Amino acid sequence: MTCRHCHEQHPNYFTYCPKTNGVIEKEPFKHTYATNDFCLSCGTKNEESGSFCSQCGEITIKRVEQKTTFNKVISETLKNVNVPNMGNIKGQELKNASKEKVNFFKNNPLFFVPIVVSILLIFMFTFIAKNSLLDVVTADLDHEESAIVKAIMSDPSELEDNIYKEFGVRLNIPKILSLPSLVTVVHNVKAEWNVVLDAGFTNNSLHISMDNVLFGLMFIPFIALVIGGVIYGILARKNNWPLYQGILYSTIVYVIVMLVISFISKFSTKLGQVETKGLFMIDASMNYSVLDMILSATILSIVIFGFAAILTYFNKSIIEKLSYQVKYVQYAMFSVAITLIGLLVNFSNIYFSLDKKVLESETVSIFSSIYMGTWNWICTFFSKLHMNASLDGFSENITYSLFDNEKSEVYQSYLYNSLFEGEKYSLLPSFILVLITIVLISAAGYILYIVHRMNWKECLIFAGLFTALQLMIIYFVNIQLDLTAASDGYIQFSFSFEIILTALLVLIVSSASFAAGGYLRQYQLKK
């Protein structure tokens, strides 16, 4: 055996080398000899690959492992292979993907037109609704009172002129409800106003906290996003655009624009004594909830814009196309369709049964119908709406239920009468509205039987998605309005559903109705 340390031969029965005291092991590989590229003694490069250095004469041979033919081929091959860096590969892939997207947008300049149209329509419809509301609010007011209301709503120029004529002071009153502010409020974003006026002899302050009060105006983004979704569905089908990516990109653009609008709407203004010649001090501020804007803009654009785009894209073949989609997509699509139909039925029921002469305004009739129709839709799942009011010491708490036939508590309510003129509606009986709801959900269970196959887990998944959608509506429709003045004046309104109880009721009703439709289909197939 050969000692690894002194490289001398020893008998096979030796365990230790007698010269180095090292353990003698069987040689794991064969050796050969090669020349060093540089002399280990003087460092001169071995140009001729000789066995001895041309400068100092020292030996340049080194002992190396003898490679087999396979190892030699691999080692020689690897010398010429340039192994790329994984970070460079990922970076290049991202670069190529970004380049492809940029080229796609360049080749399809109309890609973002639908969502831009939606945003422009929102501004236009909001402007029309704003003028209509101003006309309704100021209809019975005199000139001075009308100027004050218009100043609060958006146009303070007339009030500024009146203050200048009365006191000789030119004030720059902020536009509390400008068009960008109204667009923000239209999305049911929580808003807070704080105004303090110190005129030397009087000190008045007002704090307003508003959450979802203008829910009736949400038909504006609904209509605008539906129109934009329809346009995108038509263009996507014509130009072979990616449907779901388009909805995603449109949602991102929509959320960003609405966030920018909400930031523009915020303001904080102070007018000191120097600016107002010592007569007035005004401190006004307005803030909006960024989280509410992100949630509302995301939900509205995905659900409304996306639903309209998908329906338009697939057109008549929507049912056939859905059969090839993931089952959760089908559940979600049917949940949205049932909800929209249910809301429309309840809205129409109330609108056509209201006495327009009592309300004296078509705009008020529409807003009242939207509020009450949405509450009615939630109440078809046997839920209850709690209405609370506190007006300078007077408080009132009432509960609205769809199956309270007399509803005397509601119709005799000061709160109800002040908002809806005590209107009663009875176009369709309550049990018919509930029956329509159950039939709609059962129809979904009947159509989707091939998907769920009466698996209760699948029925509960559908019911869960449907319940989540109804909770989203409750999030939009729960109203809170607080007004606090320096003169101890306090006003509070609230309309709210019990979240946990309503969620359980919706889950039970929807899962049972969905399963009933499935059982009917199963029974027919067995026959």
Protein backbone atom coordinates (compact mmCIF):
# COMPACT_ATOMS: atom_id res chain seq x y z
CA MET A 1 0.00 0.00 0.00
CA THR A 2 1.07 3.58 -0.65
CA CYS A 3 1.21 6.04 2.24
CA ARG A 4 -0.70 9.22 1.43
CA HIS A 5 1.76 11.30 3.42
CA CYS A 6 5.23 10.08 2.29
CA HIS A 7 4.05 8.34 -0.91
CA GLU A 8 6.19 5.25 -0.18
CA GLN A 9 5.09 1.62 -0.60
CA HIS A 10 4.38 -0.48 2.51
CA PRO A 11 3.10 -4.03 3.08
CA ASN A 12 -0.67 -4.51 2.99
CA TYR A 13 -0.82 -5.43 6.68
CA PHE A 14 0.64 -2.08 7.84
CA THR A 15 -1.91 0.22 9.53
CA TYR A 16 0.39 3.16 10.29
CA CYS A 17 3.28 4.51 8.25
CA PRO A 18 6.61 3.88 10.11
CA LYS A 19 8.02 7.21 8.82
CA THR A 20 5.12 9.67 9.21
CA ASN A 21 2.91 7.91 11.78
CA GLY A 22 -0.03 8.57 9.45
CA VAL A 23 -2.89 6.16 8.87
CA ILE A 24 -2.35 4.13 5.72
CA GLU A 25 -5.56 3.97 3.67
CA LYS A 26 -6.34 2.54 0.34
CA GLU A 27 -5.75 5.18 -2.30
CA PRO A 28 -9.21 6.52 -3.30
CA PHE A 29 -8.16 7.55 -6.78
CA LYS A 30 -5.31 7.24 -9.27
CA HIS A 31 -2.75 9.98 -9.73
CA THR A 32 -0.99 11.52 -12.66
CA TYR A 33 1.40 14.45 -13.13
CA ALA A 34 0.90 17.84 -14.74
CA THR A 35 2.93 21.02 -15.00
CA ASN A 36 2.21 24.18 -13.00
CA ASP A 37 1.31 27.32 -14.90
CA PHE A 38 3.69 29.28 -12.68
CA CYS A 39 6.93 28.32 -10.90
CA LEU A 40 6.33 27.86 -7.19
CA SER A 41 9.85 29.14 -6.44
CA CYS A 42 10.26 32.37 -8.44
CA GLY A 43 6.74 32.85 -9.88
CA THR A 44 7.86 32.90 -13.54
CA LYS A 45 5.13 31.87 -15.97
CA ASN A 46 5.72 28.45 -17.49
CA GLU A 47 5.38 29.48 -21.16
CA GLU A 48 6.62 26.21 -22.64
CA SER A 49 4.79 23.93 -20.14
CA GLY A 50 8.16 22.44 -19.28
CA SER A 51 9.06 20.21 -16.34
CA PHE A 52 11.62 22.73 -15.01
CA CYS A 53 11.51 26.49 -14.61
CA SER A 54 13.34 28.42 -17.33
CA GLN A 55 14.32 31.11 -14.79
CA CYS A 56 15.49 29.25 -11.66
CA GLY A 57 15.56 25.60 -12.73
CA GLU A 58 13.14 24.36 -10.04
CA ILE A 59 10.80 21.50 -10.91
CA THR A 60 7.32 22.61 -12.03
CA ILE A 61 5.62 19.20 -12.06
CA LYS A 62 2.66 18.70 -9.71
CA ARG A 63 0.85 15.53 -8.71
CA VAL A 64 -2.89 15.61 -9.57
CA GLU A 65 -5.85 13.26 -9.73
CA GLN A 66 -6.03 11.22 -12.86
CA LYS A 67 -9.41 11.80 -14.46
CA THR A 68 -11.36 9.14 -16.24
CA THR A 69 -12.43 9.74 -19.81
CA PHE A 70 -15.95 10.82 -18.67
CA ASN A 71 -14.62 13.24 -16.06
CA LYS A 72 -12.17 14.67 -18.55
CA VAL A 73 -14.90 15.31 -21.11
CA ILE A 74 -17.10 16.97 -18.47
CA SER A 75 -14.28 19.16 -17.11
CA GLU A 76 -13.23 20.26 -20.59
CA THR A 77 -16.83 20.98 -21.52
CA LEU A 78 -17.54 22.99 -18.38
CA LYS A 79 -14.55 25.23 -19.07
CA ASN A 80 -16.32 26.54 -22.15
CA VAL A 81 -19.80 26.81 -20.59
CA ASN A 82 -20.82 30.25 -19.35
CA VAL A 83 -23.21 29.58 -16.45
CA PRO A 84 -25.63 32.53 -16.22
CA ASN A 85 -26.46 34.23 -12.92
CA MET A 86 -30.01 33.45 -11.64
CA GLY A 87 -30.50 37.05 -10.60
CA ASN A 88 -29.68 38.17 -14.13
CA ILE A 89 -32.15 35.62 -15.55
CA LYS A 90 -35.02 36.92 -13.34
CA GLY A 91 -34.09 40.50 -14.07
CA GLN A 92 -34.09 39.82 -17.79
CA GLU A 93 -37.44 38.04 -17.57
CA LEU A 94 -38.97 41.02 -15.74
CA LYS A 95 -37.44 43.38 -18.27
CA ASN A 96 -38.87 41.37 -21.16
CA ALA A 97 -42.30 41.17 -19.50
CA SER A 98 -42.33 44.92 -18.91
CA LYS A 99 -41.29 45.54 -22.49
CA GLU A 100 -44.11 43.30 -23.74
CA LYS A 101 -46.67 45.18 -21.63
CA VAL A 102 -45.42 48.55 -22.85
CA ASN A 103 -45.58 47.34 -26.45
CA PHE A 104 -49.10 46.00 -25.84
CA PHE A 105 -50.31 49.37 -24.53
CA LYS A 106 -48.60 51.15 -27.43
CA ASN A 107 -50.31 48.88 -29.95
CA ASN A 108 -53.67 49.22 -28.15
CA PRO A 109 -54.06 52.92 -27.29
CA LEU A 110 -57.79 52.47 -26.52
CA PHE A 111 -57.14 49.94 -23.74
CA PHE A 112 -57.82 52.38 -20.86
CA VAL A 113 -60.58 54.34 -22.62
CA PRO A 114 -63.46 52.45 -20.88
CA ILE A 115 -62.29 53.23 -17.34
CA VAL A 116 -61.51 56.85 -18.33
CA VAL A 117 -65.07 57.12 -19.68
CA SER A 118 -66.37 55.77 -16.35
CA ILE A 119 -64.41 58.39 -14.38
CA LEU A 120 -65.60 61.24 -16.63
CA LEU A 121 -69.21 60.05 -16.34
CA ILE A 122 -68.91 59.99 -12.55
CA PHE A 123 -67.90 63.66 -12.56
CA MET A 124 -70.65 64.61 -15.03
CA PHE A 125 -73.43 62.74 -13.17
CA THR A 126 -72.22 64.14 -9.83
CA PHE A 127 -72.38 67.68 -11.20
CA ILE A 128 -75.96 67.12 -12.41
CA ALA A 129 -77.01 65.55 -9.09
CA LYS A 130 -75.37 68.41 -7.17
CA ASN A 131 -77.33 71.07 -9.07
CA SER A 132 -80.53 69.07 -8.69
CA LEU A 133 -80.02 68.75 -4.92
CA LEU A 134 -79.27 72.47 -4.61
CA ASP A 135 -82.53 73.30 -6.37
CA VAL A 136 -84.46 70.97 -4.05
CA VAL A 137 -82.80 72.23 -0.85
CA THR A 138 -83.08 75.95 -1.65
CA ALA A 139 -86.57 75.82 -3.18
CA ASP A 140 -88.36 77.29 -0.13
CA LEU A 141 -85.52 79.53 1.16
CA ASP A 142 -85.10 83.27 0.78
CA HIS A 143 -82.11 84.82 -0.97
CA GLU A 144 -79.89 85.13 2.10
CA GLU A 145 -80.62 81.64 3.39
CA SER A 146 -80.10 80.25 -0.09
CA ALA A 147 -76.68 81.93 -0.25
CA ILE A 148 -75.66 80.29 3.03
CA VAL A 149 -76.76 76.83 1.84
CA LYS A 150 -74.97 77.26 -1.49
CA ALA A 151 -71.84 78.38 0.36
CA ILE A 152 -71.90 75.24 2.46
CA MET A 153 -72.63 73.06 -0.57
CA SER A 154 -69.95 74.41 -2.91
CA ASP A 155 -70.30 78.04 -4.02
CA PRO A 156 -69.33 80.48 -1.23
CA SER A 157 -68.87 83.52 -3.50
CA GLU A 158 -72.33 84.99 -2.76
CA LEU A 159 -71.84 84.58 0.98
CA GLU A 160 -68.41 86.22 0.72
CA ASP A 161 -70.03 89.20 -1.02
CA ASN A 162 -72.71 89.49 1.68
CA ILE A 163 -70.09 89.45 4.46
CA TYR A 164 -68.06 92.08 2.63
CA LYS A 165 -71.11 94.34 2.23
CA GLU A 166 -72.12 93.90 5.88
CA PHE A 167 -68.74 94.10 7.62
CA GLY A 168 -66.33 95.38 4.98
CA VAL A 169 -64.20 92.24 5.31
CA ARG A 170 -63.18 90.13 2.36
CA LEU A 171 -63.12 86.44 3.36
CA ASN A 172 -61.95 83.45 1.35
CA ILE A 173 -64.42 80.77 2.44
CA PRO A 174 -63.33 77.25 1.46
CA LYS A 175 -65.51 75.17 -0.84
CA ILE A 176 -66.51 72.43 1.54
CA LEU A 177 -68.47 70.40 -1.02
CA SER A 178 -66.68 71.08 -4.26
CA LEU A 179 -67.06 68.64 -7.15
CA PRO A 180 -64.00 66.53 -6.15
CA SER A 181 -65.37 66.40 -2.59
CA LEU A 182 -68.77 65.25 -3.81
CA VAL A 183 -67.16 62.57 -6.01
CA THR A 184 -65.42 61.33 -2.87
CA VAL A 185 -68.60 61.43 -0.81
CA VAL A 186 -70.49 59.63 -3.60
CA HIS A 187 -68.29 56.59 -2.85
CA ASN A 188 -69.65 56.52 0.72
CA VAL A 189 -66.30 57.57 2.11
CA LYS A 190 -66.33 58.67 5.73
CA ALA A 191 -65.89 62.45 5.98
CA GLU A 192 -65.30 64.89 8.81
CA TRP A 193 -65.77 68.66 8.75
CA ASN A 194 -64.63 71.07 11.45
CA VAL A 195 -65.46 74.78 11.26
CA VAL A 196 -64.77 77.39 13.97
CA LEU A 197 -65.93 81.01 13.52
CA ASP A 198 -64.83 83.67 16.02
CA ALA A 199 -66.35 87.10 15.33
CA GLY A 200 -65.14 88.78 18.53
CA PHE A 201 -68.59 88.93 20.09
CA THR A 202 -69.67 85.38 19.21
CA ASN A 203 -67.87 82.07 18.97
CA ASN A 204 -69.49 79.29 16.95
CA SER A 205 -68.06 75.91 16.05
CA LEU A 206 -69.47 73.00 14.15
CA HIS A 207 -68.25 69.42 13.86
CA ILE A 208 -69.80 67.08 11.28
CA SER A 209 -69.01 63.38 11.00
CA MET A 210 -70.66 61.63 8.07
CA ASP A 211 -70.40 57.97 7.15
CA ASN A 212 -72.41 56.54 4.21
CA VAL A 213 -75.10 59.23 4.49
CA LEU A 214 -75.25 59.80 0.73
CA PHE A 215 -75.72 56.14 -0.13
CA GLY A 216 -78.50 57.14 -2.52
CA LEU A 217 -75.90 58.82 -4.74
CA MET A 218 -74.05 55.55 -5.26
CA PHE A 219 -76.15 54.96 -8.34
CA ILE A 220 -73.76 57.45 -10.00
CA PRO A 221 -70.61 55.23 -9.87
CA PHE A 222 -72.84 52.20 -10.50
CA ILE A 223 -74.14 53.59 -13.80
CA ALA A 224 -70.76 55.04 -14.82
CA LEU A 225 -68.88 51.79 -14.14
CA VAL A 226 -71.54 49.70 -15.89
CA ILE A 227 -71.19 51.86 -19.01
CA GLY A 228 -67.38 51.60 -18.84
CA GLY A 229 -67.57 47.82 -18.32
CA VAL A 230 -69.86 47.39 -21.32
CA ILE A 231 -67.49 49.44 -23.50
CA TYR A 232 -64.51 47.36 -22.34
CA GLY A 233 -66.34 44.08 -22.97
CA ILE A 234 -67.12 45.14 -26.56
CA LEU A 235 -63.56 46.39 -27.26
CA ALA A 236 -61.96 43.34 -25.59
CA ARG A 237 -63.98 40.94 -27.75
CA LYS A 238 -63.25 42.95 -30.90
CA ASN A 239 -59.50 43.41 -30.28
CA ASN A 240 -58.86 40.11 -28.48
CA TRP A 241 -57.75 41.86 -25.28
CA PRO A 242 -57.16 39.93 -22.03
CA LEU A 243 -60.47 40.18 -20.17
CA TYR A 244 -59.47 39.62 -16.54
CA GLN A 245 -56.18 41.52 -16.83
CA GLY A 246 -58.11 44.44 -18.29
CA ILE A 247 -60.48 44.43 -15.30
CA LEU A 248 -57.47 44.31 -12.96
CA TYR A 249 -55.66 47.21 -14.69
CA SER A 250 -58.87 49.25 -14.82
CA THR A 251 -59.42 48.66 -11.09
CA ILE A 252 -55.87 49.85 -10.30
CA VAL A 253 -56.32 53.01 -12.40
CA TYR A 254 -59.74 53.69 -10.87
CA VAL A 255 -58.50 53.30 -7.28
CA ILE A 256 -55.48 55.56 -7.93
CA VAL A 257 -57.64 58.30 -9.50
CA MET A 258 -60.16 58.19 -6.64
CA LEU A 259 -57.36 58.32 -4.05
CA VAL A 260 -55.92 61.39 -5.77
CA ILE A 261 -59.39 62.99 -5.81
CA SER A 262 -59.84 62.33 -2.08
CA PHE A 263 -56.46 63.91 -1.32
CA ILE A 264 -57.33 66.96 -3.44
CA SER A 265 -60.61 67.30 -1.53
CA LYS A 266 -58.90 67.56 1.84
CA PHE A 267 -58.18 71.03 3.09
CA SER A 268 -57.24 72.96 6.20
CA THR A 269 -57.78 76.73 6.21
CA LYS A 270 -57.11 79.42 8.79
CA LEU A 271 -58.01 83.09 8.46
CA GLY A 272 -56.38 85.08 11.24
CA GLN A 273 -57.12 88.50 12.71
CA VAL A 274 -54.60 90.28 10.50
CA GLU A 275 -56.22 89.00 7.33
CA THR A 276 -59.70 89.83 8.58
CA LYS A 277 -58.93 93.16 10.24
CA GLY A 278 -59.49 91.71 13.70
CA LEU A 279 -63.18 90.98 13.21
CA PHE A 280 -63.18 87.31 12.27
CA MET A 281 -61.15 84.18 12.82
CA ILE A 282 -62.06 81.14 10.76
CA ASP A 283 -60.55 77.70 11.20
CA ALA A 284 -61.94 75.08 8.80
CA SER A 285 -60.76 71.60 7.91
CA MET A 286 -62.08 68.58 6.05
CA ASN A 287 -60.73 65.04 5.96
CA TYR A 288 -61.71 61.82 4.23
CA SER A 289 -60.97 58.23 5.16
CA VAL A 290 -58.29 56.85 2.83
CA LEU A 291 -59.13 53.27 3.85
CA ASP A 292 -62.80 53.78 2.97
CA MET A 293 -61.85 55.15 -0.43
CA ILE A 294 -59.56 52.20 -1.20
CA LEU A 295 -62.21 49.68 -0.14
CA SER A 296 -65.14 51.33 -1.91
CA ALA A 297 -63.25 52.07 -5.14
CA THR A 298 -61.82 48.53 -5.27
CA ILE A 299 -65.13 46.80 -4.56
CA LEU A 300 -67.16 48.95 -6.95
CA SER A 301 -64.72 48.68 -9.85
CA ILE A 302 -64.22 44.91 -9.52
CA VAL A 303 -67.87 44.02 -8.96
CA ILE A 304 -69.66 46.56 -11.19
CA PHE A 305 -67.09 47.22 -13.95
CA GLY A 306 -65.95 43.58 -13.99
CA PHE A 307 -69.46 42.11 -13.99
CA ALA A 308 -70.60 44.36 -16.86
CA ALA A 309 -67.40 43.63 -18.85
CA ILE A 310 -67.74 39.84 -18.45
CA LEU A 311 -71.43 39.83 -19.39
CA THR A 312 -70.75 41.95 -22.49
CA TYR A 313 -67.66 39.97 -23.50
CA PHE A 314 -69.38 36.56 -23.42
CA ASN A 315 -72.79 37.92 -24.41
CA LYS A 316 -75.33 35.14 -24.99
CA SER A 317 -72.81 32.39 -24.36
CA ILE A 318 -72.21 33.50 -20.75
CA ILE A 319 -73.88 30.39 -19.24
CA GLU A 320 -71.96 28.08 -21.57
CA LYS A 321 -68.69 29.87 -20.87
CA LEU A 322 -69.27 29.75 -17.13
CA SER A 323 -69.49 25.95 -17.30
CA TYR A 324 -65.80 25.88 -18.21
CA GLN A 325 -64.74 28.33 -15.50
CA VAL A 326 -63.62 27.61 -11.97
CA LYS A 327 -66.66 26.84 -9.81
CA TYR A 328 -65.93 29.74 -7.43
CA VAL A 329 -66.12 32.16 -10.36
CA GLN A 330 -69.52 30.74 -11.25
CA TYR A 331 -70.71 31.05 -7.65
CA ALA A 332 -69.53 34.67 -7.52
CA MET A 333 -71.18 35.56 -10.85
CA PHE A 334 -74.54 34.11 -9.79
CA SER A 335 -74.28 35.83 -6.39
CA VAL A 336 -73.82 39.21 -8.06
CA ALA A 337 -76.63 38.58 -10.56
CA ILE A 338 -79.10 37.51 -7.83
CA THR A 339 -78.20 40.53 -5.70
CA LEU A 340 -78.61 43.03 -8.54
CA ILE A 341 -81.98 41.55 -9.54
CA GLY A 342 -83.15 41.53 -5.91
CA LEU A 343 -82.12 45.15 -5.37
CA LEU A 344 -83.87 46.20 -8.59
CA VAL A 345 -87.11 44.41 -7.59
CA ASN A 346 -87.18 46.05 -4.15
CA PHE A 347 -86.21 49.46 -5.54
CA SER A 348 -88.96 49.30 -8.18
CA ASN A 349 -91.53 48.07 -5.66
CA ILE A 350 -90.98 51.11 -3.44
CA TYR A 351 -90.52 53.65 -6.24
CA PHE A 352 -93.81 52.84 -8.00
CA SER A 353 -95.74 52.77 -4.72
CA LEU A 354 -94.50 56.14 -3.40
CA ASP A 355 -96.77 59.15 -3.63
CA LYS A 356 -94.72 61.56 -5.76
CA LYS A 357 -97.06 64.45 -4.91
CA VAL A 358 -96.21 64.20 -1.22
CA LEU A 359 -92.46 64.06 -1.86
CA GLU A 360 -92.72 66.95 -4.37
CA SER A 361 -89.53 65.90 -6.15
CA GLU A 362 -88.52 63.14 -8.53
CA THR A 363 -84.96 63.28 -7.17
CA VAL A 364 -86.14 62.74 -3.59
CA SER A 365 -88.34 59.85 -4.77
CA ILE A 366 -85.38 58.15 -6.45
CA PHE A 367 -83.10 58.61 -3.42
CA SER A 368 -85.80 57.41 -1.02
CA SER A 369 -86.44 54.34 -3.16
CA ILE A 370 -82.72 53.47 -3.32
CA TYR A 371 -82.31 53.71 0.45
CA MET A 372 -85.49 51.88 1.34
CA GLY A 373 -85.18 49.35 -1.48
CA THR A 374 -81.69 48.35 -0.29
CA TRP A 375 -82.83 48.06 3.32
CA ASN A 376 -85.86 46.08 2.18
CA TRP A 377 -83.60 43.66 0.24
CA ILE A 378 -81.56 42.92 3.35
CA CYS A 379 -84.78 42.54 5.36
CA THR A 380 -86.03 39.84 2.97
CA PHE A 381 -83.55 37.57 4.79
CA PHE A 382 -85.63 38.15 7.98
CA SER A 383 -83.20 40.74 9.27
CA LYS A 384 -84.09 43.99 11.05
CA LEU A 385 -83.07 47.59 10.51
CA HIS A 386 -82.44 49.78 13.56
CA MET A 387 -83.11 53.51 13.17
CA ASN A 388 -81.89 55.88 15.87
CA ALA A 389 -82.15 59.65 16.18
CA SER A 390 -81.13 62.20 18.81
CA LEU A 391 -82.14 65.82 18.28
CA ASP A 392 -81.13 68.24 21.06
CA GLY A 393 -82.28 66.00 23.87
CA PHE A 394 -85.07 64.26 22.00
CA SER A 395 -84.19 60.66 21.17
CA GLU A 396 -85.99 57.99 19.19
CA ASN A 397 -85.17 54.34 18.59
CA ILE A 398 -87.27 52.21 16.26
CA THR A 399 -86.83 48.91 14.45
CA TYR A 400 -88.01 48.22 10.92
CA SER A 401 -88.97 44.68 9.98
CA LEU A 402 -90.31 43.53 6.62
CA PHE A 403 -92.98 41.35 8.28
CA ASP A 404 -94.36 43.98 10.63
CA ASN A 405 -97.67 44.32 8.80
CA GLU A 406 -98.90 47.42 10.58
CA LYS A 407 -95.52 49.15 10.80
CA SER A 408 -97.26 51.74 13.01
CA GLU A 409 -94.08 52.37 15.00
CA VAL A 410 -92.22 53.20 11.79
CA TYR A 411 -94.88 55.34 10.13
CA GLN A 412 -95.53 57.35 13.29
CA SER A 413 -91.83 57.93 13.77
CA TYR A 414 -90.60 61.53 13.70
CA LEU A 415 -87.35 60.34 12.10
CA TYR A 416 -89.14 58.35 9.40
CA ASN A 417 -91.59 61.16 8.63
CA SER A 418 -88.83 63.77 8.42
CA LEU A 419 -86.91 61.69 5.86
CA PHE A 420 -89.61 59.97 3.84
CA GLU A 421 -92.73 62.04 4.54
CA GLY A 422 -94.33 59.02 6.24
CA GLU A 423 -94.74 57.25 2.91
CA LYS A 424 -96.32 53.80 2.92
CA TYR A 425 -95.70 51.31 0.15
CA SER A 426 -97.66 48.14 -0.55
CA LEU A 427 -97.27 47.35 -4.24
CA LEU A 428 -96.04 43.83 -3.49
CA PRO A 429 -96.74 42.00 -0.21
CA SER A 430 -93.79 41.17 1.99
CA PHE A 431 -94.05 37.41 1.49
CA ILE A 432 -93.89 37.91 -2.30
CA LEU A 433 -90.58 39.81 -1.97
CA VAL A 434 -89.15 37.02 0.20
CA LEU A 435 -90.45 34.40 -2.23
CA ILE A 436 -88.73 36.20 -5.14
CA THR A 437 -85.47 36.13 -3.18
CA ILE A 438 -85.76 32.40 -2.43
CA VAL A 439 -86.70 31.61 -6.06
CA LEU A 440 -83.69 33.54 -7.39
CA ILE A 441 -81.25 31.66 -5.12
CA SER A 442 -82.96 28.32 -5.82
CA ALA A 443 -82.66 28.97 -9.56
CA ALA A 444 -78.89 29.36 -9.07
CA GLY A 445 -78.79 26.02 -7.23
CA TYR A 446 -80.81 24.42 -10.03
CA ILE A 447 -78.58 25.76 -12.85
CA LEU A 448 -75.31 25.01 -11.02
CA TYR A 449 -76.28 21.48 -9.99
CA ILE A 450 -73.65 19.97 -12.32
CA VAL A 451 -71.04 21.95 -10.40
CA HIS A 452 -72.04 21.36 -6.76
CA ARG A 453 -73.72 17.92 -7.17
CA MET A 454 -75.59 18.45 -3.89
CA ASN A 455 -72.38 18.46 -1.89
CA TRP A 456 -73.22 20.45 1.22
CA LYS A 457 -69.70 21.80 1.37
CA GLU A 458 -70.19 23.32 -2.09
CA CYS A 459 -73.58 24.73 -1.07
CA LEU A 460 -71.98 26.39 1.95
CA ILE A 461 -69.21 27.85 -0.23
CA PHE A 462 -71.81 29.48 -2.47
CA ALA A 463 -73.73 30.69 0.58
CA GLY A 464 -70.49 32.09 2.03
CA LEU A 465 -69.74 34.08 -1.13
CA PHE A 466 -73.33 35.30 -1.31
CA THR A 467 -73.25 36.31 2.38
CA ALA A 468 -69.96 38.18 1.88
CA LEU A 469 -71.59 40.20 -0.91
CA GLN A 470 -74.56 41.10 1.31
CA LEU A 471 -72.20 42.15 4.12
CA MET A 472 -70.46 44.41 1.60
CA ILE A 473 -73.84 46.05 0.88
CA ILE A 474 -74.47 46.44 4.62
CA TYR A 475 -71.04 48.10 4.90
CA PHE A 476 -72.22 50.64 2.32
CA VAL A 477 -75.73 51.13 3.70
CA ASN A 478 -75.06 51.51 7.45
CA ILE A 479 -75.42 55.24 8.00
CA GLN A 480 -74.00 57.48 10.71
CA LEU A 481 -74.38 61.27 10.89
CA ASP A 482 -73.23 63.40 13.84
CA LEU A 483 -73.47 67.18 14.10
CA THR A 484 -72.13 68.97 17.16
CA ALA A 485 -72.31 72.76 17.59
CA ALA A 486 -70.70 75.05 20.17
CA SER A 487 -74.11 76.05 21.47
CA ASP A 488 -74.59 72.50 22.82
CA GLY A 489 -76.63 71.61 19.76
CA TYR A 490 -76.37 67.89 19.00
CA ILE A 491 -77.88 65.89 16.16
CA GLN A 492 -77.32 62.21 15.48
CA PHE A 493 -78.85 59.87 12.91
CA SER A 494 -78.00 56.24 12.37
CA PHE A 495 -79.41 53.35 10.32
CA SER A 496 -77.77 50.00 10.92
CA PHE A 497 -78.17 46.25 10.67
CA GLU A 498 -76.82 43.76 13.19
CA ILE A 499 -73.82 42.33 11.35
CA ILE A 500 -73.48 38.91 13.02
CA LEU A 501 -77.21 38.13 13.16
CA THR A 502 -77.76 39.27 9.56
CA ALA A 503 -74.77 37.23 8.33
CA LEU A 504 -76.14 34.07 10.00
CA LEU A 505 -79.63 34.64 8.59
CA VAL A 506 -78.34 35.26 5.06
CA LEU A 507 -76.08 32.19 5.28
CA ILE A 508 -78.95 29.94 6.40
CA VAL A 509 -81.51 31.24 3.89
CA SER A 510 -79.10 31.21 0.92
CA SER A 511 -77.63 27.74 1.63
CA ALA A 512 -81.08 26.20 2.17
CA SER A 513 -82.54 27.82 -0.96
CA PHE A 514 -79.49 26.89 -3.05
CA ALA A 515 -79.76 23.27 -1.89
CA ALA A 516 -83.52 23.25 -2.62
CA GLY A 517 -82.83 24.17 -6.24
CA GLY A 518 -80.20 21.45 -6.43
CA TYR A 519 -82.60 18.82 -5.02
CA LEU A 520 -85.18 19.78 -7.63
CA ARG A 521 -82.65 19.28 -10.45
CA GLN A 522 -81.47 16.01 -8.93
CA TYR A 523 -85.06 14.73 -8.69
CA GLN A 524 -85.72 15.63 -12.34
CA LEU A 525 -82.57 13.86 -13.52
CA LYS A 526 -83.47 10.68 -11.58
CA LYS A 527 -86.91 10.61 -13.17
